[in-house]
Amino acid sequence: MDLICLIANKYSKSEIVEINQEIDSWYDIQEYVIEYRTRIDLDFQVKSTKASWVNPSNETELEKSWQNQEGEAEKVITVPWGINRISNFYSDLTFNRKTICICPSPEHKYANLHDPLTAKYIITLVRMIANRFGQNEIIYCVDSMYPPSLLYEEASSGKSLEDLKKIGINEFGEPKNDISDSMKDLFFFDKAETELPTFKSWNWSDSKYK
């Protein structure tokens, strides 16, 4: 199951279809990722720093993809896969109508949070991306297999970040304040300006859904 990181989407369709150019200018994030990857792999090299749409996108296709996800279309609309998703060498970014889904890459599996050093890298990276999108609050969950994947589904169906927070608390309870503990529940909140905790090693036997 993949790690899902959700923030509010403040962008219009016209801004979204051109946003890969803005993402390409995030040199501080590129440097952070390259420095981390080089430390763990001395042979690491970046083939391209460019962000690109999985499928070429325009405003019409983006709206169709949202209608399809939200089930609001009168009939099934054929939309190319990934029409609302941008990829680069460190993340996949999916633009829903009211949220943006950040999925670190290649560290996209939730189990990467088991390791303290990797968890610190991922949380820091997601905070940096959220800040670049003008957002501070982040909701973390999973994309499949366990109950908190509901939040991923609701985000895709057009719910706002505030809606998702309410749904998450109602369904799964208030997350623990320390994200190093709450990540074991596969659903937690983070704020980009708060001090990072001391991350601890854990495994699935520590999880709420073991």
N, C-alpha and C. Protein backbone atom coordinates (compact mmCIF):
# COMPACT_ATOMS: atom_id res chain seq x y z
N MET A 1 0.85 -1.19 0.00
CA MET A 1 0.00 0.00 0.00
C MET A 1 0.88 1.24 0.00
N ASP A 2 0.42 2.27 -0.68
CA ASP A 2 1.21 3.48 -0.83
C ASP A 2 0.90 4.49 0.26
N LEU A 3 1.90 5.32 0.54
CA LEU A 3 1.76 6.44 1.45
C LEU A 3 1.09 7.59 0.71
N ILE A 4 0.03 8.13 1.30
CA ILE A 4 -0.71 9.23 0.70
C ILE A 4 -0.61 10.46 1.61
N CYS A 5 -0.22 11.59 1.03
CA CYS A 5 -0.06 12.83 1.78
C CYS A 5 -0.93 13.89 1.12
N LEU A 6 -1.92 14.40 1.82
CA LEU A 6 -2.93 15.27 1.24
C LEU A 6 -2.84 16.70 1.77
N ILE A 7 -2.89 17.65 0.85
CA ILE A 7 -2.93 19.06 1.22
C ILE A 7 -4.07 19.72 0.43
N ALA A 8 -4.44 20.93 0.84
CA ALA A 8 -5.48 21.66 0.12
C ALA A 8 -4.96 22.12 -1.24
N ASN A 9 -5.86 22.19 -2.21
CA ASN A 9 -5.53 22.65 -3.55
C ASN A 9 -6.13 24.04 -3.76
N LYS A 10 -5.28 25.03 -3.91
CA LYS A 10 -5.75 26.42 -4.07
C LYS A 10 -5.74 26.85 -5.54
N TYR A 11 -5.36 25.95 -6.45
CA TYR A 11 -5.12 26.33 -7.83
C TYR A 11 -6.33 26.14 -8.74
N SER A 12 -6.43 27.00 -9.74
CA SER A 12 -7.47 26.88 -10.77
C SER A 12 -7.00 25.87 -11.81
N LYS A 13 -7.91 25.43 -12.67
CA LYS A 13 -7.54 24.48 -13.72
C LYS A 13 -6.45 25.06 -14.63
N SER A 14 -6.59 26.34 -14.97
CA SER A 14 -5.61 26.95 -15.87
C SER A 14 -4.22 26.99 -15.23
N GLU A 15 -4.17 27.19 -13.93
CA GLU A 15 -2.88 27.20 -13.23
C GLU A 15 -2.30 25.79 -13.13
N ILE A 16 -3.16 24.81 -12.90
CA ILE A 16 -2.69 23.43 -12.73
C ILE A 16 -2.04 22.90 -14.00
N VAL A 17 -2.63 23.15 -15.15
CA VAL A 17 -2.08 22.56 -16.38
C VAL A 17 -0.71 23.15 -16.75
N GLU A 18 -0.35 24.27 -16.14
CA GLU A 18 0.96 24.88 -16.40
C GLU A 18 1.91 24.74 -15.21
N ILE A 19 1.48 24.03 -14.17
CA ILE A 19 2.21 24.07 -12.91
C ILE A 19 3.53 23.30 -12.93
N ASN A 20 3.71 22.42 -13.92
CA ASN A 20 4.97 21.69 -13.99
C ASN A 20 6.16 22.63 -14.15
N GLN A 21 5.94 23.77 -14.79
CA GLN A 21 7.02 24.75 -14.95
C GLN A 21 7.44 25.33 -13.60
N GLU A 22 6.45 25.56 -12.73
CA GLU A 22 6.75 26.04 -11.38
C GLU A 22 7.50 24.98 -10.59
N ILE A 23 7.06 23.73 -10.70
CA ILE A 23 7.69 22.63 -9.97
C ILE A 23 9.15 22.47 -10.38
N ASP A 24 9.45 22.70 -11.65
CA ASP A 24 10.82 22.58 -12.13
C ASP A 24 11.76 23.60 -11.49
N SER A 25 11.21 24.67 -10.93
CA SER A 25 12.04 25.72 -10.32
C SER A 25 12.27 25.51 -8.83
N TRP A 26 11.84 24.39 -8.28
CA TRP A 26 12.02 24.12 -6.86
C TRP A 26 13.41 23.55 -6.61
N TYR A 27 14.42 24.37 -6.82
CA TYR A 27 15.80 23.90 -6.75
C TYR A 27 16.21 23.46 -5.35
N ASP A 28 15.65 24.10 -4.33
CA ASP A 28 16.00 23.71 -2.96
C ASP A 28 15.53 22.28 -2.66
N ILE A 29 14.35 21.92 -3.18
CA ILE A 29 13.85 20.57 -2.97
C ILE A 29 14.69 19.57 -3.76
N GLN A 30 15.03 19.92 -5.00
CA GLN A 30 15.88 19.05 -5.80
C GLN A 30 17.21 18.79 -5.08
N GLU A 31 17.81 19.84 -4.53
CA GLU A 31 19.09 19.69 -3.84
C GLU A 31 18.95 18.83 -2.59
N TYR A 32 17.85 19.02 -1.86
CA TYR A 32 17.61 18.21 -0.65
C TYR A 32 17.52 16.73 -1.01
N VAL A 33 16.77 16.42 -2.06
CA VAL A 33 16.59 15.02 -2.46
C VAL A 33 17.91 14.43 -2.95
N ILE A 34 18.61 15.15 -3.79
CA ILE A 34 19.87 14.65 -4.34
C ILE A 34 20.88 14.41 -3.22
N GLU A 35 20.93 15.32 -2.26
CA GLU A 35 21.87 15.16 -1.14
C GLU A 35 21.54 13.91 -0.34
N TYR A 36 20.26 13.68 -0.08
CA TYR A 36 19.83 12.49 0.67
C TYR A 36 20.13 11.22 -0.11
N ARG A 37 19.75 11.20 -1.38
CA ARG A 37 19.94 9.99 -2.19
C ARG A 37 21.42 9.67 -2.37
N THR A 38 22.25 10.69 -2.51
CA THR A 38 23.68 10.47 -2.68
C THR A 38 24.30 9.88 -1.42
N ARG A 39 23.79 10.28 -0.26
CA ARG A 39 24.30 9.72 1.00
C ARG A 39 24.04 8.23 1.11
N ILE A 40 22.90 7.77 0.60
CA ILE A 40 22.57 6.35 0.72
C ILE A 40 22.98 5.55 -0.51
N ASP A 41 23.33 6.25 -1.59
CA ASP A 41 23.77 5.57 -2.82
C ASP A 41 24.79 6.47 -3.52
N LEU A 42 26.08 6.15 -3.34
CA LEU A 42 27.15 6.99 -3.89
C LEU A 42 27.11 7.07 -5.41
N ASP A 43 26.46 6.10 -6.05
CA ASP A 43 26.37 6.08 -7.51
C ASP A 43 25.10 6.76 -8.04
N PHE A 44 24.33 7.36 -7.15
CA PHE A 44 23.07 7.95 -7.57
C PHE A 44 23.29 9.10 -8.57
N GLN A 45 22.50 9.10 -9.63
CA GLN A 45 22.53 10.16 -10.62
C GLN A 45 21.10 10.48 -11.06
N VAL A 46 20.84 11.75 -11.30
CA VAL A 46 19.52 12.18 -11.76
C VAL A 46 19.53 12.25 -13.28
N LYS A 47 18.64 11.50 -13.92
CA LYS A 47 18.56 11.53 -15.38
C LYS A 47 17.88 12.80 -15.86
N SER A 48 16.84 13.23 -15.13
CA SER A 48 16.13 14.45 -15.51
C SER A 48 15.46 15.04 -14.28
N THR A 49 15.52 16.35 -14.15
CA THR A 49 14.84 17.04 -13.04
C THR A 49 13.48 17.58 -13.47
N LYS A 50 13.10 17.34 -14.71
CA LYS A 50 11.86 17.89 -15.24
C LYS A 50 10.62 17.16 -14.71
N ALA A 51 9.59 17.94 -14.41
CA ALA A 51 8.30 17.38 -14.04
C ALA A 51 7.44 17.28 -15.30
N SER A 52 6.71 16.18 -15.43
CA SER A 52 5.89 16.01 -16.63
C SER A 52 4.58 15.32 -16.29
N TRP A 53 3.54 15.63 -17.06
CA TRP A 53 2.26 14.98 -16.90
C TRP A 53 2.35 13.53 -17.35
N VAL A 54 1.70 12.64 -16.62
CA VAL A 54 1.66 11.23 -17.04
C VAL A 54 1.02 11.13 -18.42
N ASN A 55 -0.05 11.89 -18.63
CA ASN A 55 -0.63 12.10 -19.96
C ASN A 55 -0.79 13.60 -20.15
N PRO A 56 -0.54 14.10 -21.36
CA PRO A 56 -0.70 15.55 -21.58
C PRO A 56 -2.07 16.02 -21.10
N SER A 57 -2.09 17.12 -20.36
CA SER A 57 -3.33 17.58 -19.75
C SER A 57 -3.70 18.98 -20.24
N ASN A 58 -5.01 19.22 -20.33
CA ASN A 58 -5.52 20.57 -20.56
C ASN A 58 -6.73 20.76 -19.66
N GLU A 59 -7.30 21.94 -19.65
CA GLU A 59 -8.39 22.23 -18.71
C GLU A 59 -9.60 21.33 -18.92
N THR A 60 -9.91 21.05 -20.18
CA THR A 60 -11.08 20.20 -20.48
C THR A 60 -10.87 18.79 -19.96
N GLU A 61 -9.71 18.23 -20.23
CA GLU A 61 -9.42 16.86 -19.79
C GLU A 61 -9.34 16.78 -18.27
N LEU A 62 -8.80 17.82 -17.65
CA LEU A 62 -8.71 17.85 -16.19
C LEU A 62 -10.10 17.84 -15.57
N GLU A 63 -10.99 18.65 -16.11
CA GLU A 63 -12.38 18.69 -15.61
C GLU A 63 -13.06 17.33 -15.82
N LYS A 64 -12.84 16.70 -16.95
CA LYS A 64 -13.41 15.38 -17.21
C LYS A 64 -12.92 14.36 -16.18
N SER A 65 -11.63 14.44 -15.86
CA SER A 65 -11.07 13.48 -14.90
C SER A 65 -11.70 13.68 -13.53
N TRP A 66 -11.93 14.94 -13.14
CA TRP A 66 -12.56 15.21 -11.85
C TRP A 66 -14.01 14.72 -11.84
N GLN A 67 -14.74 14.98 -12.90
CA GLN A 67 -16.13 14.52 -12.98
C GLN A 67 -16.19 12.99 -12.89
N ASN A 68 -15.24 12.34 -13.53
CA ASN A 68 -15.19 10.89 -13.50
C ASN A 68 -14.94 10.38 -12.08
N GLN A 69 -13.97 10.98 -11.40
CA GLN A 69 -13.64 10.58 -10.04
C GLN A 69 -14.79 10.86 -9.08
N GLU A 70 -15.47 11.97 -9.31
CA GLU A 70 -16.52 12.41 -8.39
C GLU A 70 -17.86 11.77 -8.69
N GLY A 71 -17.96 11.03 -9.81
CA GLY A 71 -19.20 10.36 -10.15
C GLY A 71 -20.31 11.31 -10.54
N GLU A 72 -19.95 12.51 -11.01
CA GLU A 72 -20.96 13.51 -11.33
C GLU A 72 -21.32 13.52 -12.81
N ALA A 73 -20.57 12.76 -13.62
CA ALA A 73 -20.86 12.75 -15.05
C ALA A 73 -22.16 11.97 -15.31
N GLU A 74 -22.92 12.39 -16.31
CA GLU A 74 -24.17 11.72 -16.64
C GLU A 74 -23.92 10.32 -17.19
N LYS A 75 -22.78 10.12 -17.81
CA LYS A 75 -22.41 8.80 -18.31
C LYS A 75 -20.91 8.63 -18.12
N VAL A 76 -20.44 7.42 -18.27
CA VAL A 76 -19.01 7.16 -18.08
C VAL A 76 -18.21 7.93 -19.12
N ILE A 77 -17.23 8.67 -18.63
CA ILE A 77 -16.37 9.45 -19.52
C ILE A 77 -15.05 8.71 -19.67
N THR A 78 -14.61 8.53 -20.89
CA THR A 78 -13.31 7.90 -21.11
C THR A 78 -12.23 8.95 -20.96
N VAL A 79 -11.41 8.78 -19.93
CA VAL A 79 -10.34 9.73 -19.64
C VAL A 79 -9.03 8.95 -19.57
N PRO A 80 -7.99 9.39 -20.27
CA PRO A 80 -6.71 8.70 -20.19
C PRO A 80 -6.21 8.60 -18.75
N TRP A 81 -5.60 7.47 -18.41
CA TRP A 81 -5.10 7.25 -17.06
C TRP A 81 -4.05 8.30 -16.71
N GLY A 82 -4.11 8.80 -15.48
CA GLY A 82 -3.09 9.73 -14.98
C GLY A 82 -3.17 11.13 -15.54
N ILE A 83 -4.33 11.52 -16.08
CA ILE A 83 -4.45 12.83 -16.71
C ILE A 83 -4.27 13.97 -15.69
N ASN A 84 -4.50 13.68 -14.40
CA ASN A 84 -4.35 14.72 -13.37
C ASN A 84 -3.12 14.49 -12.49
N ARG A 85 -2.13 13.78 -13.02
CA ARG A 85 -0.94 13.46 -12.22
C ARG A 85 0.35 13.88 -12.92
N ILE A 86 1.20 14.56 -12.14
CA ILE A 86 2.53 14.97 -12.59
C ILE A 86 3.57 14.14 -11.84
N SER A 87 4.62 13.74 -12.55
CA SER A 87 5.70 12.98 -11.92
C SER A 87 7.04 13.67 -12.16
N ASN A 88 7.91 13.58 -11.17
CA ASN A 88 9.31 13.94 -11.35
C ASN A 88 10.17 12.93 -10.59
N PHE A 89 11.44 13.21 -10.38
CA PHE A 89 12.32 12.18 -9.84
C PHE A 89 12.18 11.96 -8.34
N TYR A 90 11.35 12.75 -7.67
CA TYR A 90 11.20 12.54 -6.23
C TYR A 90 9.75 12.46 -5.76
N SER A 91 8.77 12.64 -6.66
CA SER A 91 7.38 12.55 -6.21
C SER A 91 6.41 12.42 -7.38
N ASP A 92 5.23 11.90 -7.05
CA ASP A 92 4.07 11.97 -7.95
C ASP A 92 3.08 12.92 -7.29
N LEU A 93 2.51 13.82 -8.06
CA LEU A 93 1.57 14.82 -7.55
C LEU A 93 0.26 14.70 -8.32
N THR A 94 -0.79 14.33 -7.59
CA THR A 94 -2.10 14.18 -8.22
C THR A 94 -3.00 15.34 -7.80
N PHE A 95 -3.57 16.01 -8.78
CA PHE A 95 -4.40 17.19 -8.52
C PHE A 95 -5.87 16.80 -8.58
N ASN A 96 -6.49 16.68 -7.41
CA ASN A 96 -7.93 16.52 -7.32
C ASN A 96 -8.56 17.91 -7.34
N ARG A 97 -9.87 17.98 -7.34
CA ARG A 97 -10.51 19.29 -7.41
C ARG A 97 -10.18 20.17 -6.21
N LYS A 98 -10.16 19.59 -5.00
CA LYS A 98 -9.95 20.39 -3.80
C LYS A 98 -8.71 20.01 -2.99
N THR A 99 -8.02 18.98 -3.41
CA THR A 99 -6.81 18.56 -2.70
C THR A 99 -5.72 18.20 -3.69
N ILE A 100 -4.50 18.18 -3.19
CA ILE A 100 -3.35 17.68 -3.94
C ILE A 100 -2.81 16.49 -3.16
N CYS A 101 -2.59 15.40 -3.86
CA CYS A 101 -2.05 14.19 -3.25
C CYS A 101 -0.56 14.10 -3.58
N ILE A 102 0.28 14.13 -2.54
CA ILE A 102 1.72 14.01 -2.69
C ILE A 102 2.11 12.57 -2.37
N CYS A 103 2.78 11.93 -3.30
CA CYS A 103 3.24 10.56 -3.08
C CYS A 103 4.75 10.52 -3.38
N PRO A 104 5.59 10.48 -2.33
CA PRO A 104 7.05 10.45 -2.56
C PRO A 104 7.43 9.29 -3.48
N SER A 105 8.45 9.51 -4.28
CA SER A 105 8.91 8.46 -5.20
C SER A 105 10.44 8.48 -5.25
N PRO A 106 11.09 7.33 -5.11
CA PRO A 106 10.54 5.97 -5.09
C PRO A 106 10.12 5.48 -3.69
N GLU A 107 10.14 6.35 -2.70
CA GLU A 107 9.81 5.94 -1.32
C GLU A 107 8.31 6.00 -1.09
N HIS A 108 7.53 5.40 -2.00
CA HIS A 108 6.08 5.58 -1.97
C HIS A 108 5.37 4.59 -1.06
N LYS A 109 6.01 3.54 -0.62
CA LYS A 109 5.35 2.56 0.24
C LYS A 109 5.29 3.05 1.69
N TYR A 110 4.14 2.83 2.33
CA TYR A 110 3.96 3.30 3.71
C TYR A 110 5.02 2.72 4.64
N ALA A 111 5.49 1.52 4.35
CA ALA A 111 6.48 0.86 5.21
C ALA A 111 7.80 1.62 5.28
N ASN A 112 8.04 2.56 4.38
CA ASN A 112 9.24 3.38 4.47
C ASN A 112 9.28 4.20 5.76
N LEU A 113 8.11 4.42 6.37
CA LEU A 113 8.06 5.17 7.62
C LEU A 113 8.55 4.34 8.81
N HIS A 114 8.80 3.05 8.61
CA HIS A 114 9.31 2.20 9.70
C HIS A 114 10.72 2.62 10.13
N ASP A 115 11.48 3.10 9.17
CA ASP A 115 12.88 3.46 9.43
C ASP A 115 12.99 4.94 9.81
N PRO A 116 13.60 5.27 10.94
CA PRO A 116 13.65 6.66 11.41
C PRO A 116 14.28 7.64 10.41
N LEU A 117 15.39 7.26 9.78
CA LEU A 117 16.05 8.17 8.85
C LEU A 117 15.21 8.41 7.60
N THR A 118 14.60 7.34 7.10
CA THR A 118 13.75 7.48 5.92
C THR A 118 12.49 8.27 6.26
N ALA A 119 11.93 8.02 7.43
CA ALA A 119 10.73 8.76 7.86
C ALA A 119 11.03 10.25 7.95
N LYS A 120 12.18 10.60 8.52
CA LYS A 120 12.55 12.02 8.63
C LYS A 120 12.70 12.65 7.25
N TYR A 121 13.32 11.92 6.33
CA TYR A 121 13.48 12.42 4.96
C TYR A 121 12.11 12.64 4.31
N ILE A 122 11.22 11.66 4.43
CA ILE A 122 9.91 11.75 3.77
C ILE A 122 9.08 12.89 4.35
N ILE A 123 8.99 12.97 5.66
CA ILE A 123 8.18 14.03 6.29
C ILE A 123 8.72 15.40 5.93
N THR A 124 10.06 15.54 5.93
CA THR A 124 10.67 16.83 5.56
C THR A 124 10.38 17.16 4.11
N LEU A 125 10.51 16.18 3.23
CA LEU A 125 10.23 16.40 1.80
C LEU A 125 8.79 16.84 1.58
N VAL A 126 7.86 16.15 2.20
CA VAL A 126 6.44 16.48 2.03
C VAL A 126 6.16 17.87 2.57
N ARG A 127 6.77 18.23 3.69
CA ARG A 127 6.59 19.59 4.22
C ARG A 127 7.11 20.63 3.24
N MET A 128 8.25 20.37 2.63
CA MET A 128 8.82 21.31 1.67
C MET A 128 7.89 21.49 0.46
N ILE A 129 7.34 20.39 -0.03
CA ILE A 129 6.42 20.46 -1.16
C ILE A 129 5.14 21.21 -0.76
N ALA A 130 4.61 20.90 0.41
CA ALA A 130 3.40 21.59 0.90
C ALA A 130 3.63 23.10 0.98
N ASN A 131 4.79 23.50 1.52
CA ASN A 131 5.10 24.92 1.62
C ASN A 131 5.14 25.58 0.26
N ARG A 132 5.70 24.89 -0.72
CA ARG A 132 5.78 25.43 -2.07
C ARG A 132 4.38 25.62 -2.68
N PHE A 133 3.45 24.80 -2.26
CA PHE A 133 2.06 24.94 -2.71
C PHE A 133 1.26 25.88 -1.81
N GLY A 134 1.96 26.55 -0.88
CA GLY A 134 1.29 27.52 -0.01
C GLY A 134 0.44 26.89 1.06
N GLN A 135 0.77 25.65 1.47
CA GLN A 135 -0.03 24.93 2.46
C GLN A 135 0.81 24.54 3.67
N ASN A 136 0.14 24.45 4.81
CA ASN A 136 0.81 24.12 6.06
C ASN A 136 0.31 22.79 6.62
N GLU A 137 -0.99 22.50 6.47
CA GLU A 137 -1.57 21.29 7.04
C GLU A 137 -1.51 20.12 6.06
N ILE A 138 -1.16 18.97 6.60
CA ILE A 138 -1.01 17.76 5.78
C ILE A 138 -1.74 16.61 6.47
N ILE A 139 -2.50 15.85 5.71
CA ILE A 139 -3.13 14.62 6.21
C ILE A 139 -2.41 13.44 5.57
N TYR A 140 -2.00 12.49 6.40
CA TYR A 140 -1.35 11.27 5.92
C TYR A 140 -2.30 10.09 6.07
N CYS A 141 -2.32 9.22 5.05
CA CYS A 141 -3.12 7.99 5.12
C CYS A 141 -2.53 6.98 4.15
N VAL A 142 -3.28 5.97 3.80
CA VAL A 142 -2.84 4.95 2.84
C VAL A 142 -3.82 4.89 1.68
N ASP A 143 -3.42 4.20 0.60
CA ASP A 143 -4.28 4.18 -0.58
C ASP A 143 -5.11 2.90 -0.71
N SER A 144 -4.87 1.91 0.16
CA SER A 144 -5.57 0.63 -0.01
C SER A 144 -5.40 -0.25 1.22
N MET A 145 -6.12 -1.33 1.27
CA MET A 145 -5.98 -2.43 2.22
C MET A 145 -6.54 -2.18 3.62
N TYR A 146 -6.39 -0.97 4.15
CA TYR A 146 -6.80 -0.69 5.52
C TYR A 146 -7.83 0.45 5.56
N PRO A 147 -8.62 0.54 6.63
CA PRO A 147 -9.71 1.53 6.70
C PRO A 147 -9.32 2.98 6.37
N PRO A 148 -8.14 3.49 6.81
CA PRO A 148 -7.83 4.90 6.49
C PRO A 148 -7.71 5.20 5.00
N SER A 149 -7.72 4.16 4.14
CA SER A 149 -7.73 4.43 2.70
C SER A 149 -9.01 5.16 2.28
N LEU A 150 -10.01 5.16 3.15
CA LEU A 150 -11.24 5.92 2.91
C LEU A 150 -10.93 7.38 2.59
N LEU A 151 -9.94 7.95 3.26
CA LEU A 151 -9.61 9.36 3.07
C LEU A 151 -9.04 9.61 1.67
N TYR A 152 -8.27 8.67 1.18
CA TYR A 152 -7.74 8.76 -0.19
C TYR A 152 -8.89 8.73 -1.19
N GLU A 153 -9.85 7.85 -0.97
CA GLU A 153 -11.00 7.74 -1.86
C GLU A 153 -11.84 9.02 -1.82
N GLU A 154 -12.04 9.55 -0.61
CA GLU A 154 -12.86 10.76 -0.47
C GLU A 154 -12.16 11.98 -1.07
N ALA A 155 -10.84 12.02 -0.98
CA ALA A 155 -10.09 13.11 -1.61
C ALA A 155 -10.26 13.06 -3.12
N SER A 156 -10.16 11.86 -3.68
CA SER A 156 -10.34 11.68 -5.13
C SER A 156 -11.74 12.07 -5.57
N SER A 157 -12.72 11.88 -4.68
CA SER A 157 -14.11 12.19 -5.04
C SER A 157 -14.46 13.66 -4.83
N GLY A 158 -13.46 14.49 -4.50
CA GLY A 158 -13.69 15.93 -4.47
C GLY A 158 -13.86 16.57 -3.11
N LYS A 159 -13.66 15.82 -2.03
CA LYS A 159 -13.79 16.40 -0.69
C LYS A 159 -12.64 17.37 -0.40
N SER A 160 -12.92 18.37 0.43
CA SER A 160 -11.90 19.33 0.83
C SER A 160 -11.05 18.77 1.96
N LEU A 161 -9.94 19.43 2.26
CA LEU A 161 -9.08 18.98 3.34
C LEU A 161 -9.82 19.04 4.67
N GLU A 162 -10.63 20.07 4.89
CA GLU A 162 -11.39 20.17 6.13
C GLU A 162 -12.41 19.04 6.23
N ASP A 163 -13.04 18.70 5.12
CA ASP A 163 -13.97 17.55 5.11
C ASP A 163 -13.23 16.28 5.51
N LEU A 164 -12.05 16.09 4.95
CA LEU A 164 -11.26 14.88 5.20
C LEU A 164 -10.84 14.79 6.66
N LYS A 165 -10.48 15.92 7.26
CA LYS A 165 -10.12 15.93 8.68
C LYS A 165 -11.29 15.46 9.54
N LYS A 166 -12.47 15.99 9.24
CA LYS A 166 -13.66 15.61 10.01
C LYS A 166 -14.00 14.14 9.82
N ILE A 167 -13.94 13.67 8.57
CA ILE A 167 -14.22 12.26 8.30
C ILE A 167 -13.22 11.38 9.02
N GLY A 168 -11.95 11.75 8.96
CA GLY A 168 -10.91 10.95 9.61
C GLY A 168 -11.09 10.84 11.11
N ILE A 169 -11.38 11.96 11.75
CA ILE A 169 -11.58 11.96 13.21
C ILE A 169 -12.83 11.17 13.58
N ASN A 170 -13.90 11.36 12.82
CA ASN A 170 -15.14 10.64 13.11
C ASN A 170 -14.98 9.14 12.95
N GLU A 171 -14.22 8.72 11.94
CA GLU A 171 -14.09 7.30 11.63
C GLU A 171 -12.98 6.61 12.43
N PHE A 172 -11.88 7.33 12.66
CA PHE A 172 -10.69 6.67 13.22
C PHE A 172 -10.19 7.28 14.52
N GLY A 173 -10.86 8.35 14.98
CA GLY A 173 -10.44 9.00 16.21
C GLY A 173 -9.41 10.08 15.98
N GLU A 174 -9.22 10.92 16.97
CA GLU A 174 -8.25 12.01 16.90
C GLU A 174 -6.84 11.44 16.87
N PRO A 175 -6.02 11.81 15.87
CA PRO A 175 -4.65 11.30 15.82
C PRO A 175 -3.82 11.76 17.01
N LYS A 176 -2.84 10.98 17.39
CA LYS A 176 -1.94 11.35 18.48
C LYS A 176 -1.15 12.59 18.07
N ASN A 177 -0.73 13.38 19.07
CA ASN A 177 0.01 14.61 18.78
C ASN A 177 1.39 14.34 18.20
N ASP A 178 2.05 13.29 18.68
CA ASP A 178 3.39 12.95 18.20
C ASP A 178 3.25 12.12 16.92
N ILE A 179 3.67 12.68 15.78
CA ILE A 179 3.45 11.96 14.53
C ILE A 179 4.27 10.66 14.46
N SER A 180 5.36 10.58 15.21
CA SER A 180 6.14 9.34 15.21
C SER A 180 5.36 8.20 15.85
N ASP A 181 4.39 8.52 16.70
CA ASP A 181 3.50 7.51 17.28
C ASP A 181 2.25 7.33 16.41
N SER A 182 1.69 8.43 15.93
CA SER A 182 0.42 8.35 15.20
C SER A 182 0.57 7.70 13.83
N MET A 183 1.78 7.70 13.25
CA MET A 183 1.94 7.07 11.94
C MET A 183 1.68 5.56 12.00
N LYS A 184 1.74 4.97 13.19
CA LYS A 184 1.44 3.54 13.34
C LYS A 184 -0.04 3.26 13.11
N ASP A 185 -0.88 4.29 13.17
CA ASP A 185 -2.32 4.13 12.96
C ASP A 185 -2.74 4.33 11.51
N LEU A 186 -1.77 4.59 10.63
CA LEU A 186 -1.99 4.75 9.19
C LEU A 186 -2.86 5.96 8.87
N PHE A 187 -2.96 6.88 9.81
CA PHE A 187 -3.72 8.12 9.63
C PHE A 187 -3.20 9.12 10.65
N PHE A 188 -2.65 10.24 10.16
CA PHE A 188 -2.17 11.26 11.10
C PHE A 188 -2.11 12.62 10.41
N PHE A 189 -2.05 13.66 11.24
CA PHE A 189 -1.96 15.04 10.77
C PHE A 189 -0.53 15.55 11.01
N ASP A 190 -0.13 16.50 10.18
CA ASP A 190 1.15 17.18 10.40
C ASP A 190 0.99 18.64 10.00
N LYS A 191 1.79 19.50 10.62
CA LYS A 191 1.84 20.91 10.25
C LYS A 191 3.28 21.25 9.91
N ALA A 192 3.46 21.90 8.77
CA ALA A 192 4.80 22.10 8.22
C ALA A 192 5.71 22.97 9.09
N GLU A 193 5.12 23.80 9.95
CA GLU A 193 5.98 24.71 10.74
C GLU A 193 6.39 24.13 12.08
N THR A 194 5.86 22.97 12.46
CA THR A 194 6.19 22.41 13.77
C THR A 194 7.54 21.71 13.76
N GLU A 195 8.12 21.59 14.94
CA GLU A 195 9.43 20.93 15.05
C GLU A 195 9.27 19.43 14.79
N LEU A 196 10.20 18.88 14.06
CA LEU A 196 10.16 17.43 13.80
C LEU A 196 10.40 16.66 15.10
N PRO A 197 9.67 15.56 15.29
CA PRO A 197 9.89 14.73 16.48
C PRO A 197 11.13 13.86 16.31
N THR A 198 11.48 13.13 17.33
CA THR A 198 12.51 12.11 17.21
C THR A 198 11.82 10.84 16.72
N PHE A 199 12.10 10.46 15.49
CA PHE A 199 11.45 9.29 14.91
C PHE A 199 12.04 8.01 15.49
N LYS A 200 11.17 7.03 15.68
CA LYS A 200 11.58 5.75 16.24
C LYS A 200 11.31 4.63 15.24
N SER A 201 12.13 3.59 15.32
CA SER A 201 11.92 2.42 14.48
C SER A 201 10.67 1.66 14.96
N TRP A 202 9.87 1.15 14.02
CA TRP A 202 8.69 0.37 14.36
C TRP A 202 8.41 -0.62 13.23
N ASN A 203 7.48 -1.53 13.45
CA ASN A 203 7.10 -2.48 12.41
C ASN A 203 5.60 -2.72 12.48
N TRP A 204 5.09 -3.58 11.59
CA TRP A 204 3.64 -3.76 11.50
C TRP A 204 3.02 -4.35 12.78
N SER A 205 3.83 -5.02 13.58
CA SER A 205 3.28 -5.57 14.83
C SER A 205 2.91 -4.46 15.81
N ASP A 206 3.45 -3.23 15.59
CA ASP A 206 3.12 -2.08 16.42
C ASP A 206 1.88 -1.34 15.93
N SER A 207 1.39 -1.73 14.77
CA SER A 207 0.32 -0.99 14.12
C SER A 207 -1.04 -1.26 14.75
N LYS A 208 -1.91 -0.26 14.61
CA LYS A 208 -3.31 -0.40 15.05
C LYS A 208 -4.01 -1.51 14.31
N TYR A 209 -3.58 -1.80 13.09
CA TYR A 209 -4.25 -2.79 12.25
C TYR A 209 -3.41 -4.05 12.07
N LYS A 210 -2.60 -4.40 13.05
CA LYS A 210 -1.72 -5.57 12.94
C LYS A 210 -2.53 -6.86 12.77
